[in-house]
Structure formats: structure tokens, C-alpha cells
Amino acid sequence: MPELSRLPRPVTESWDWQLSGLCRGMDSTYFFHKPNERGAAREQREAAAKAVCQRCPVMQKCREHALEVQETFGIWGGLGESELRAILTQQARRRP
């Protein structure tokens, strides 16, 4: 008999939190940079996206999801790409 605990969780249980995100329905360009976006334009966009995250009721769940799936592109749970990469690198160093 298969080990049921190893089967993937139902999608709704894994993703329902996204229905409550303040970013839901927003243009994704707030949270994901355009090719070659640099400098002040990128900093301003990221600050605006993070401000949305700070008011979001599922910010922590979003952040946990991003770290669980090792997401390093875009703004997730109030963290930018460099912040996500730094945390993931730190976590990888702690693993035996």
C-alpha cells in the first residue's frame, strides 16, 4: 500500500492563502522586474510592492511558500530577490 503521507497535498490546501493576498488581481509587473530594469526605477517598484506586502494578511504564508519552493524571482512575502537568495543561501549552509 502506498505511503499516503508522501503524496502531494491537494492544491486548494496548498494555495488557498493566495485568494486573500492583496496582490491578487494586481498587475504582476509590480512584483516582477522587467528585463534590464535597474537603479531608481527598480528600487521604487520594489518599495511599492513591499508596501503592499506589509499590509497583506497572508504575507508570512507567502514568504514561507517562496522559501519552501526556493523562489528567487520577484517580490514574495515582502522580500526582494536578493533577500530571498540570502536567506536560501543561509539555510543551505545550515543543512548537513
PDB file of N, CA and C in Angstrom:
ATOM      1  N   MET A   1       0.843  -1.174   0.000  1.00  0.00           N
ATOM      2  CA  MET A   1       0.000   0.000   0.000  1.00  0.00           C
ATOM      3  C   MET A   1       0.894   1.245   0.000  1.00  0.00           C
ATOM      4  N   PRO A   2       0.543   2.260  -0.801  1.00  0.00           N
ATOM      5  CA  PRO A   2       1.397   3.453  -0.857  1.00  0.00           C
ATOM      6  C   PRO A   2       1.367   4.241   0.456  1.00  0.00           C
ATOM      7  N   GLU A   3       2.457   4.900   0.716  1.00  0.00           N
ATOM      8  CA  GLU A   3       2.576   5.772   1.890  1.00  0.00           C
ATOM      9  C   GLU A   3       1.835   7.076   1.597  1.00  0.00           C
ATOM     10  N   LEU A   4       0.653   7.250   2.183  1.00  0.00           N
ATOM     11  CA  LEU A   4      -0.198   8.401   1.873  1.00  0.00           C
ATOM     12  C   LEU A   4       0.411   9.727   2.304  1.00  0.00           C
ATOM     13  N   SER A   5       1.234   9.722   3.335  1.00  0.00           N
ATOM     14  CA  SER A   5       1.823  10.975   3.803  1.00  0.00           C
ATOM     15  C   SER A   5       2.809  11.549   2.788  1.00  0.00           C
ATOM     16  N   ARG A   6       3.262  10.726   1.849  1.00  0.00           N
ATOM     17  CA  ARG A   6       4.223  11.199   0.844  1.00  0.00           C
ATOM     18  C   ARG A   6       3.548  11.734  -0.409  1.00  0.00           C
ATOM     19  N   LEU A   7       2.241  11.586  -0.504  1.00  0.00           N
ATOM     20  CA  LEU A   7       1.525  12.088  -1.671  1.00  0.00           C
ATOM     21  C   LEU A   7       1.416  13.606  -1.587  1.00  0.00           C
ATOM     22  N   PRO A   8       1.374  14.299  -2.732  1.00  0.00           N
ATOM     23  CA  PRO A   8       1.219  15.763  -2.698  1.00  0.00           C
ATOM     24  C   PRO A   8      -0.100  16.147  -2.041  1.00  0.00           C
ATOM     25  N   ARG A   9      -0.063  17.283  -1.353  1.00  0.00           N
ATOM     26  CA  ARG A   9      -1.292  17.786  -0.741  1.00  0.00           C
ATOM     27  C   ARG A   9      -2.218  18.284  -1.835  1.00  0.00           C
ATOM     28  N   PRO A  10      -3.521  18.295  -1.553  1.00  0.00           N
ATOM     29  CA  PRO A  10      -4.447  18.865  -2.535  1.00  0.00           C
ATOM     30  C   PRO A  10      -4.101  20.325  -2.804  1.00  0.00           C
ATOM     31  N   VAL A  11      -4.295  20.748  -4.016  1.00  0.00           N
ATOM     32  CA  VAL A  11      -3.916  22.098  -4.430  1.00  0.00           C
ATOM     33  C   VAL A  11      -4.601  23.160  -3.581  1.00  0.00           C
ATOM     34  N   THR A  12      -5.875  23.004  -3.300  1.00  0.00           N
ATOM     35  CA  THR A  12      -6.580  24.040  -2.541  1.00  0.00           C
ATOM     36  C   THR A  12      -5.969  24.243  -1.166  1.00  0.00           C
ATOM     37  N   GLU A  13      -5.532  23.181  -0.515  1.00  0.00           N
ATOM     38  CA  GLU A  13      -4.906  23.320   0.797  1.00  0.00           C
ATOM     39  C   GLU A  13      -3.568  24.030   0.703  1.00  0.00           C
ATOM     40  N   SER A  14      -2.862  23.842  -0.389  1.00  0.00           N
ATOM     41  CA  SER A  14      -1.553  24.438  -0.565  1.00  0.00           C
ATOM     42  C   SER A  14      -1.613  25.876  -1.043  1.00  0.00           C
ATOM     43  N   TRP A  15      -2.665  26.253  -1.737  1.00  0.00           N
ATOM     44  CA  TRP A  15      -2.689  27.542  -2.414  1.00  0.00           C
ATOM     45  C   TRP A  15      -3.839  28.456  -2.012  1.00  0.00           C
ATOM     46  N   ASP A  16      -4.759  28.010  -1.178  1.00  0.00           N
ATOM     47  CA  ASP A  16      -5.909  28.838  -0.790  1.00  0.00           C
ATOM     48  C   ASP A  16      -5.503  30.197  -0.229  1.00  0.00           C
ATOM     49  N   TRP A  17      -4.375  30.257   0.432  1.00  0.00           N
ATOM     50  CA  TRP A  17      -3.918  31.509   1.027  1.00  0.00           C
ATOM     51  C   TRP A  17      -3.792  32.611  -0.020  1.00  0.00           C
ATOM     52  N   GLN A  18      -3.506  32.238  -1.264  1.00  0.00           N
ATOM     53  CA  GLN A  18      -3.328  33.239  -2.320  1.00  0.00           C
ATOM     54  C   GLN A  18      -4.615  34.015  -2.607  1.00  0.00           C
ATOM     55  N   LEU A  19      -5.754  33.420  -2.307  1.00  0.00           N
ATOM     56  CA  LEU A  19      -7.023  34.114  -2.529  1.00  0.00           C
ATOM     57  C   LEU A  19      -7.163  35.343  -1.645  1.00  0.00           C
ATOM     58  N   SER A  20      -6.429  35.385  -0.539  1.00  0.00           N
ATOM     59  CA  SER A  20      -6.502  36.507   0.402  1.00  0.00           C
ATOM     60  C   SER A  20      -5.383  37.523   0.217  1.00  0.00           C
ATOM     61  N   GLY A  21      -4.495  37.270  -0.721  1.00  0.00           N
ATOM     62  CA  GLY A  21      -3.377  38.187  -0.937  1.00  0.00           C
ATOM     63  C   GLY A  21      -3.820  39.523  -1.504  1.00  0.00           C
ATOM     64  N   LEU A  22      -3.260  40.614  -0.980  1.00  0.00           N
ATOM     65  CA  LEU A  22      -3.578  41.941  -1.508  1.00  0.00           C
ATOM     66  C   LEU A  22      -3.094  42.110  -2.942  1.00  0.00           C
ATOM     67  N   CYS A  23      -2.129  41.315  -3.343  1.00  0.00           N
ATOM     68  CA  CYS A  23      -1.605  41.404  -4.706  1.00  0.00           C
ATOM     69  C   CYS A  23      -2.521  40.721  -5.728  1.00  0.00           C
ATOM     70  N   ARG A  24      -3.462  39.952  -5.236  1.00  0.00           N
ATOM     71  CA  ARG A  24      -4.378  39.228  -6.135  1.00  0.00           C
ATOM     72  C   ARG A  24      -5.087  40.215  -7.054  1.00  0.00           C
ATOM     73  N   GLY A  25      -4.952  40.001  -8.332  1.00  0.00           N
ATOM     74  CA  GLY A  25      -5.599  40.852  -9.315  1.00  0.00           C
ATOM     75  C   GLY A  25      -4.765  42.060  -9.720  1.00  0.00           C
ATOM     76  N   MET A  26      -3.661  42.301  -9.017  1.00  0.00           N
ATOM     77  CA  MET A  26      -2.793  43.421  -9.386  1.00  0.00           C
ATOM     78  C   MET A  26      -1.936  43.031 -10.590  1.00  0.00           C
ATOM     79  N   ASP A  27      -1.464  44.012 -11.293  1.00  0.00           N
ATOM     80  CA  ASP A  27      -0.544  43.785 -12.410  1.00  0.00           C
ATOM     81  C   ASP A  27       0.745  43.173 -11.859  1.00  0.00           C
ATOM     82  N   SER A  28       1.168  42.067 -12.411  1.00  0.00           N
ATOM     83  CA  SER A  28       2.351  41.366 -11.900  1.00  0.00           C
ATOM     84  C   SER A  28       3.631  42.173 -12.057  1.00  0.00           C
ATOM     85  N   THR A  29       3.626  43.197 -12.898  1.00  0.00           N
ATOM     86  CA  THR A  29       4.841  43.998 -13.074  1.00  0.00           C
ATOM     87  C   THR A  29       5.210  44.771 -11.806  1.00  0.00           C
ATOM     88  N   TYR A  30       4.296  44.876 -10.838  1.00  0.00           N
ATOM     89  CA  TYR A  30       4.650  45.472  -9.552  1.00  0.00           C
ATOM     90  C   TYR A  30       5.621  44.565  -8.797  1.00  0.00           C
ATOM     91  N   PHE A  31       5.496  43.277  -8.987  1.00  0.00           N
ATOM     92  CA  PHE A  31       6.224  42.304  -8.181  1.00  0.00           C
ATOM     93  C   PHE A  31       7.363  41.605  -8.926  1.00  0.00           C
ATOM     94  N   PHE A  32       7.401  41.748 -10.243  1.00  0.00           N
ATOM     95  CA  PHE A  32       8.440  41.105 -11.057  1.00  0.00           C
ATOM     96  C   PHE A  32       9.047  42.144 -11.992  1.00  0.00           C
ATOM     97  N   HIS A  33      10.363  42.229 -11.978  1.00  0.00           N
ATOM     98  CA  HIS A  33      11.029  43.265 -12.759  1.00  0.00           C
ATOM     99  C   HIS A  33      10.997  42.989 -14.260  1.00  0.00           C
ATOM    100  N   LYS A  34      11.030  44.063 -15.005  1.00  0.00           N
ATOM    101  CA  LYS A  34      11.129  43.978 -16.454  1.00  0.00           C
ATOM    102  C   LYS A  34      12.587  43.719 -16.818  1.00  0.00           C
ATOM    103  N   PRO A  35      12.836  43.167 -17.995  1.00  0.00           N
ATOM    104  CA  PRO A  35      14.231  42.972 -18.410  1.00  0.00           C
ATOM    105  C   PRO A  35      14.987  44.305 -18.371  1.00  0.00           C
ATOM    106  N   ASN A  36      16.178  44.271 -17.843  1.00  0.00           N
ATOM    107  CA  ASN A  36      17.074  45.430 -17.773  1.00  0.00           C
ATOM    108  C   ASN A  36      16.593  46.542 -16.839  1.00  0.00           C
ATOM    109  N   GLU A  37      15.621  46.290 -15.993  1.00  0.00           N
ATOM    110  CA  GLU A  37      15.204  47.309 -15.030  1.00  0.00           C
ATOM    111  C   GLU A  37      16.290  47.442 -13.967  1.00  0.00           C
ATOM    112  N   ARG A  38      16.763  48.653 -13.761  1.00  0.00           N
ATOM    113  CA  ARG A  38      17.865  48.889 -12.835  1.00  0.00           C
ATOM    114  C   ARG A  38      17.649  50.188 -12.066  1.00  0.00           C
ATOM    115  N   GLY A  39      18.523  50.400 -11.113  1.00  0.00           N
ATOM    116  CA  GLY A  39      18.610  51.670 -10.417  1.00  0.00           C
ATOM    117  C   GLY A  39      17.348  52.111  -9.711  1.00  0.00           C
ATOM    118  N   ALA A  40      17.106  53.426  -9.800  1.00  0.00           N
ATOM    119  CA  ALA A  40      15.998  54.046  -9.066  1.00  0.00           C
ATOM    120  C   ALA A  40      14.645  53.470  -9.466  1.00  0.00           C
ATOM    121  N   ALA A  41      14.470  53.172 -10.741  1.00  0.00           N
ATOM    122  CA  ALA A  41      13.179  52.622 -11.192  1.00  0.00           C
ATOM    123  C   ALA A  41      12.899  51.290 -10.510  1.00  0.00           C
ATOM    124  N   ARG A  42      13.904  50.458 -10.421  1.00  0.00           N
ATOM    125  CA  ARG A  42      13.729  49.153  -9.780  1.00  0.00           C
ATOM    126  C   ARG A  42      13.499  49.314  -8.276  1.00  0.00           C
ATOM    127  N   GLU A  43      14.274  50.182  -7.659  1.00  0.00           N
ATOM    128  CA  GLU A  43      14.124  50.414  -6.216  1.00  0.00           C
ATOM    129  C   GLU A  43      12.735  50.942  -5.883  1.00  0.00           C
ATOM    130  N   GLN A  44      12.217  51.848  -6.689  1.00  0.00           N
ATOM    131  CA  GLN A  44      10.884  52.403  -6.452  1.00  0.00           C
ATOM    132  C   GLN A  44       9.798  51.345  -6.625  1.00  0.00           C
ATOM    133  N   ARG A  45       9.920  50.531  -7.672  1.00  0.00           N
ATOM    134  CA  ARG A  45       8.937  49.472  -7.898  1.00  0.00           C
ATOM    135  C   ARG A  45       8.958  48.476  -6.749  1.00  0.00           C
ATOM    136  N   GLU A  46      10.161  48.071  -6.336  1.00  0.00           N
ATOM    137  CA  GLU A  46      10.274  47.115  -5.238  1.00  0.00           C
ATOM    138  C   GLU A  46       9.712  47.689  -3.938  1.00  0.00           C
ATOM    139  N   ALA A  47       9.969  48.958  -3.674  1.00  0.00           N
ATOM    140  CA  ALA A  47       9.445  49.587  -2.453  1.00  0.00           C
ATOM    141  C   ALA A  47       7.916  49.617  -2.480  1.00  0.00           C
ATOM    142  N   ALA A  48       7.344  49.902  -3.632  1.00  0.00           N
ATOM    143  CA  ALA A  48       5.879  49.927  -3.755  1.00  0.00           C
ATOM    144  C   ALA A  48       5.306  48.522  -3.556  1.00  0.00           C
ATOM    145  N   ALA A  49       5.954  47.511  -4.122  1.00  0.00           N
ATOM    146  CA  ALA A  49       5.491  46.128  -3.964  1.00  0.00           C
ATOM    147  C   ALA A  49       5.589  45.691  -2.508  1.00  0.00           C
ATOM    148  N   LYS A  50       6.697  46.007  -1.869  1.00  0.00           N
ATOM    149  CA  LYS A  50       6.888  45.629  -0.464  1.00  0.00           C
ATOM    150  C   LYS A  50       5.880  46.333   0.438  1.00  0.00           C
ATOM    151  N   ALA A  51       5.475  47.544   0.066  1.00  0.00           N
ATOM    152  CA  ALA A  51       4.459  48.264   0.845  1.00  0.00           C
ATOM    153  C   ALA A  51       3.120  47.533   0.784  1.00  0.00           C
ATOM    154  N   VAL A  52       2.803  46.960  -0.374  1.00  0.00           N
ATOM    155  CA  VAL A  52       1.591  46.142  -0.493  1.00  0.00           C
ATOM    156  C   VAL A  52       1.718  44.933   0.428  1.00  0.00           C
ATOM    157  N   CYS A  53       2.864  44.294   0.393  1.00  0.00           N
ATOM    158  CA  CYS A  53       3.092  43.107   1.221  1.00  0.00           C
ATOM    159  C   CYS A  53       2.938  43.418   2.709  1.00  0.00           C
ATOM    160  N   GLN A  54       3.426  44.554   3.140  1.00  0.00           N
ATOM    161  CA  GLN A  54       3.390  44.886   4.566  1.00  0.00           C
ATOM    162  C   GLN A  54       1.970  44.990   5.105  1.00  0.00           C
ATOM    163  N   ARG A  55       1.018  45.276   4.238  1.00  0.00           N
ATOM    164  CA  ARG A  55      -0.387  45.376   4.655  1.00  0.00           C
ATOM    165  C   ARG A  55      -1.162  44.082   4.415  1.00  0.00           C
ATOM    166  N   CYS A  56      -0.511  43.101   3.843  1.00  0.00           N
ATOM    167  CA  CYS A  56      -1.185  41.882   3.395  1.00  0.00           C
ATOM    168  C   CYS A  56      -1.411  40.891   4.544  1.00  0.00           C
ATOM    169  N   PRO A  57      -2.620  40.340   4.644  1.00  0.00           N
ATOM    170  CA  PRO A  57      -2.907  39.381   5.718  1.00  0.00           C
ATOM    171  C   PRO A  57      -2.206  38.027   5.551  1.00  0.00           C
ATOM    172  N   VAL A  58      -1.682  37.737   4.368  1.00  0.00           N
ATOM    173  CA  VAL A  58      -1.017  36.443   4.148  1.00  0.00           C
ATOM    174  C   VAL A  58       0.470  36.616   3.837  1.00  0.00           C
ATOM    175  N   MET A  59       1.038  37.732   4.263  1.00  0.00           N
ATOM    176  CA  MET A  59       2.451  37.989   3.977  1.00  0.00           C
ATOM    177  C   MET A  59       3.347  36.855   4.474  1.00  0.00           C
ATOM    178  N   GLN A  60       3.144  36.402   5.688  1.00  0.00           N
ATOM    179  CA  GLN A  60       4.002  35.358   6.243  1.00  0.00           C
ATOM    180  C   GLN A  60       3.846  34.046   5.477  1.00  0.00           C
ATOM    181  N   LYS A  61       2.631  33.682   5.137  1.00  0.00           N
ATOM    182  CA  LYS A  61       2.398  32.452   4.366  1.00  0.00           C
ATOM    183  C   LYS A  61       3.061  32.554   2.994  1.00  0.00           C
ATOM    184  N   CYS A  62       2.973  33.717   2.371  1.00  0.00           N
ATOM    185  CA  CYS A  62       3.597  33.951   1.073  1.00  0.00           C
ATOM    186  C   CYS A  62       5.115  33.795   1.171  1.00  0.00           C
ATOM    187  N   ARG A  63       5.677  34.375   2.206  1.00  0.00           N
ATOM    188  CA  ARG A  63       7.129  34.282   2.430  1.00  0.00           C
ATOM    189  C   ARG A  63       7.537  32.825   2.640  1.00  0.00           C
ATOM    190  N   GLU A  64       6.778  32.115   3.474  1.00  0.00           N
ATOM    191  CA  GLU A  64       7.075  30.704   3.732  1.00  0.00           C
ATOM    192  C   GLU A  64       7.022  29.892   2.442  1.00  0.00           C
ATOM    193  N   HIS A  65       6.017  30.165   1.616  1.00  0.00           N
ATOM    194  CA  HIS A  65       5.886  29.467   0.341  1.00  0.00           C
ATOM    195  C   HIS A  65       7.111  29.722  -0.535  1.00  0.00           C
ATOM    196  N   ALA A  66       7.498  30.981  -0.660  1.00  0.00           N
ATOM    197  CA  ALA A  66       8.640  31.332  -1.506  1.00  0.00           C
ATOM    198  C   ALA A  66       9.905  30.614  -1.056  1.00  0.00           C
ATOM    199  N   LEU A  67      10.116  30.556   0.235  1.00  0.00           N
ATOM    200  CA  LEU A  67      11.313  29.885   0.748  1.00  0.00           C
ATOM    201  C   LEU A  67      11.212  28.370   0.582  1.00  0.00           C
ATOM    202  N   GLU A  68      10.019  27.827   0.743  1.00  0.00           N
ATOM    203  CA  GLU A  68       9.819  26.382   0.588  1.00  0.00           C
ATOM    204  C   GLU A  68      10.121  25.930  -0.842  1.00  0.00           C
ATOM    205  N   VAL A  69       9.685  26.710  -1.819  1.00  0.00           N
ATOM    206  CA  VAL A  69       9.896  26.325  -3.217  1.00  0.00           C
ATOM    207  C   VAL A  69      11.167  26.942  -3.797  1.00  0.00           C
ATOM    208  N   GLN A  70      11.927  27.630  -2.952  1.00  0.00           N
ATOM    209  CA  GLN A  70      13.185  28.262  -3.335  1.00  0.00           C
ATOM    210  C   GLN A  70      13.009  29.268  -4.470  1.00  0.00           C
ATOM    211  N   GLU A  71      12.000  30.100  -4.327  1.00  0.00           N
ATOM    212  CA  GLU A  71      11.708  31.151  -5.302  1.00  0.00           C
ATOM    213  C   GLU A  71      12.711  32.294  -5.142  1.00  0.00           C
ATOM    214  N   THR A  72      13.331  32.703  -6.224  1.00  0.00           N
ATOM    215  CA  THR A  72      14.297  33.804  -6.163  1.00  0.00           C
ATOM    216  C   THR A  72      14.007  34.878  -7.196  1.00  0.00           C
ATOM    217  N   PHE A  73      12.823  34.866  -7.756  1.00  0.00           N
ATOM    218  CA  PHE A  73      12.462  35.849  -8.763  1.00  0.00           C
ATOM    219  C   PHE A  73      11.209  36.575  -8.314  1.00  0.00           C
ATOM    220  N   GLY A  74      11.307  37.877  -8.158  1.00  0.00           N
ATOM    221  CA  GLY A  74      10.156  38.678  -7.773  1.00  0.00           C
ATOM    222  C   GLY A  74      10.125  39.009  -6.294  1.00  0.00           C
ATOM    223  N   ILE A  75       9.062  39.683  -5.892  1.00  0.00           N
ATOM    224  CA  ILE A  75       8.827  40.061  -4.501  1.00  0.00           C
ATOM    225  C   ILE A  75       7.827  39.068  -3.924  1.00  0.00           C
ATOM    226  N   TRP A  76       8.206  38.416  -2.841  1.00  0.00           N
ATOM    227  CA  TRP A  76       7.357  37.411  -2.193  1.00  0.00           C
ATOM    228  C   TRP A  76       7.381  37.652  -0.690  1.00  0.00           C
ATOM    229  N   GLY A  77       6.227  37.810  -0.084  1.00  0.00           N
ATOM    230  CA  GLY A  77       6.155  37.977   1.357  1.00  0.00           C
ATOM    231  C   GLY A  77       6.969  39.151   1.874  1.00  0.00           C
ATOM    232  N   GLY A  78       7.062  40.190   1.083  1.00  0.00           N
ATOM    233  CA  GLY A  78       7.790  41.379   1.494  1.00  0.00           C
ATOM    234  C   GLY A  78       9.291  41.301   1.308  1.00  0.00           C
ATOM    235  N   LEU A  79       9.771  40.235   0.696  1.00  0.00           N
ATOM    236  CA  LEU A  79      11.206  40.069   0.457  1.00  0.00           C
ATOM    237  C   LEU A  79      11.524  40.212  -1.027  1.00  0.00           C
ATOM    238  N   GLY A  80      12.610  40.892  -1.320  1.00  0.00           N
ATOM    239  CA  GLY A  80      13.075  41.030  -2.690  1.00  0.00           C
ATOM    240  C   GLY A  80      13.973  39.874  -3.087  1.00  0.00           C
ATOM    241  N   GLU A  81      14.399  39.882  -4.326  1.00  0.00           N
ATOM    242  CA  GLU A  81      15.194  38.777  -4.863  1.00  0.00           C
ATOM    243  C   GLU A  81      16.498  38.561  -4.095  1.00  0.00           C
ATOM    244  N   SER A  82      17.217  39.624  -3.801  1.00  0.00           N
ATOM    245  CA  SER A  82      18.493  39.465  -3.090  1.00  0.00           C
ATOM    246  C   SER A  82      18.259  38.972  -1.662  1.00  0.00           C
ATOM    247  N   GLU A  83      17.169  39.412  -1.042  1.00  0.00           N
ATOM    248  CA  GLU A  83      16.843  38.956   0.311  1.00  0.00           C
ATOM    249  C   GLU A  83      16.471  37.474   0.310  1.00  0.00           C
ATOM    250  N   LEU A  84      15.680  37.066  -0.663  1.00  0.00           N
ATOM    251  CA  LEU A  84      15.309  35.651  -0.773  1.00  0.00           C
ATOM    252  C   LEU A  84      16.544  34.789  -0.994  1.00  0.00           C
ATOM    253  N   ARG A  85      17.423  35.216  -1.912  1.00  0.00           N
ATOM    254  CA  ARG A  85      18.645  34.446  -2.185  1.00  0.00           C
ATOM    255  C   ARG A  85      19.517  34.338  -0.926  1.00  0.00           C
ATOM    256  N   ALA A  86      19.628  35.434  -0.177  1.00  0.00           N
ATOM    257  CA  ALA A  86      20.460  35.422   1.032  1.00  0.00           C
ATOM    258  C   ALA A  86      19.918  34.435   2.065  1.00  0.00           C
ATOM    259  N   ILE A  87      18.621  34.435   2.268  1.00  0.00           N
ATOM    260  CA  ILE A  87      18.020  33.505   3.237  1.00  0.00           C
ATOM    261  C   ILE A  87      18.197  32.064   2.773  1.00  0.00           C
ATOM    262  N   LEU A  88      17.961  31.813   1.483  1.00  0.00           N
ATOM    263  CA  LEU A  88      18.108  30.450   0.964  1.00  0.00           C
ATOM    264  C   LEU A  88      19.555  29.974   1.056  1.00  0.00           C
ATOM    265  N   THR A  89      20.500  30.856   0.811  1.00  0.00           N
ATOM    266  CA  THR A  89      21.920  30.502   0.933  1.00  0.00           C
ATOM    267  C   THR A  89      22.257  30.169   2.373  1.00  0.00           C
ATOM    268  N   GLN A  90      21.739  30.979   3.284  1.00  0.00           N
ATOM    269  CA  GLN A  90      21.962  30.749   4.713  1.00  0.00           C
ATOM    270  C   GLN A  90      21.362  29.412   5.143  1.00  0.00           C
ATOM    271  N   GLN A  91      20.165  29.107   4.672  1.00  0.00           N
ATOM    272  CA  GLN A  91      19.523  27.835   5.015  1.00  0.00           C
ATOM    273  C   GLN A  91      20.321  26.655   4.455  1.00  0.00           C
ATOM    274  N   ALA A  92      20.826  26.809   3.241  1.00  0.00           N
ATOM    275  CA  ALA A  92      21.597  25.725   2.621  1.00  0.00           C
ATOM    276  C   ALA A  92      22.886  25.452   3.404  1.00  0.00           C
ATOM    277  N   ARG A  93      23.503  26.487   3.941  1.00  0.00           N
ATOM    278  CA  ARG A  93      24.739  26.316   4.722  1.00  0.00           C
ATOM    279  C   ARG A  93      24.487  25.574   6.021  1.00  0.00           C
ATOM    280  N   ARG A  94      23.279  25.701   6.550  1.00  0.00           N
ATOM    281  CA  ARG A  94      22.937  25.043   7.823  1.00  0.00           C
ATOM    282  C   ARG A  94      22.623  23.569   7.654  1.00  0.00           C
ATOM    283  N   ARG A  95      22.284  23.164   6.425  1.00  0.00           N
ATOM    284  CA  ARG A  95      21.935  21.754   6.187  1.00  0.00           C
ATOM    285  C   ARG A  95      23.181  20.889   6.269  1.00  0.00           C
ATOM    286  N   PRO A  96      23.016  19.713   6.865  1.00  0.00           N
ATOM    287  CA  PRO A  96      24.174  18.794   6.972  1.00  0.00           C
ATOM    288  C   PRO A  96      24.576  18.239   5.626  1.00  0.00           C
TER     289      PRO A  96
END
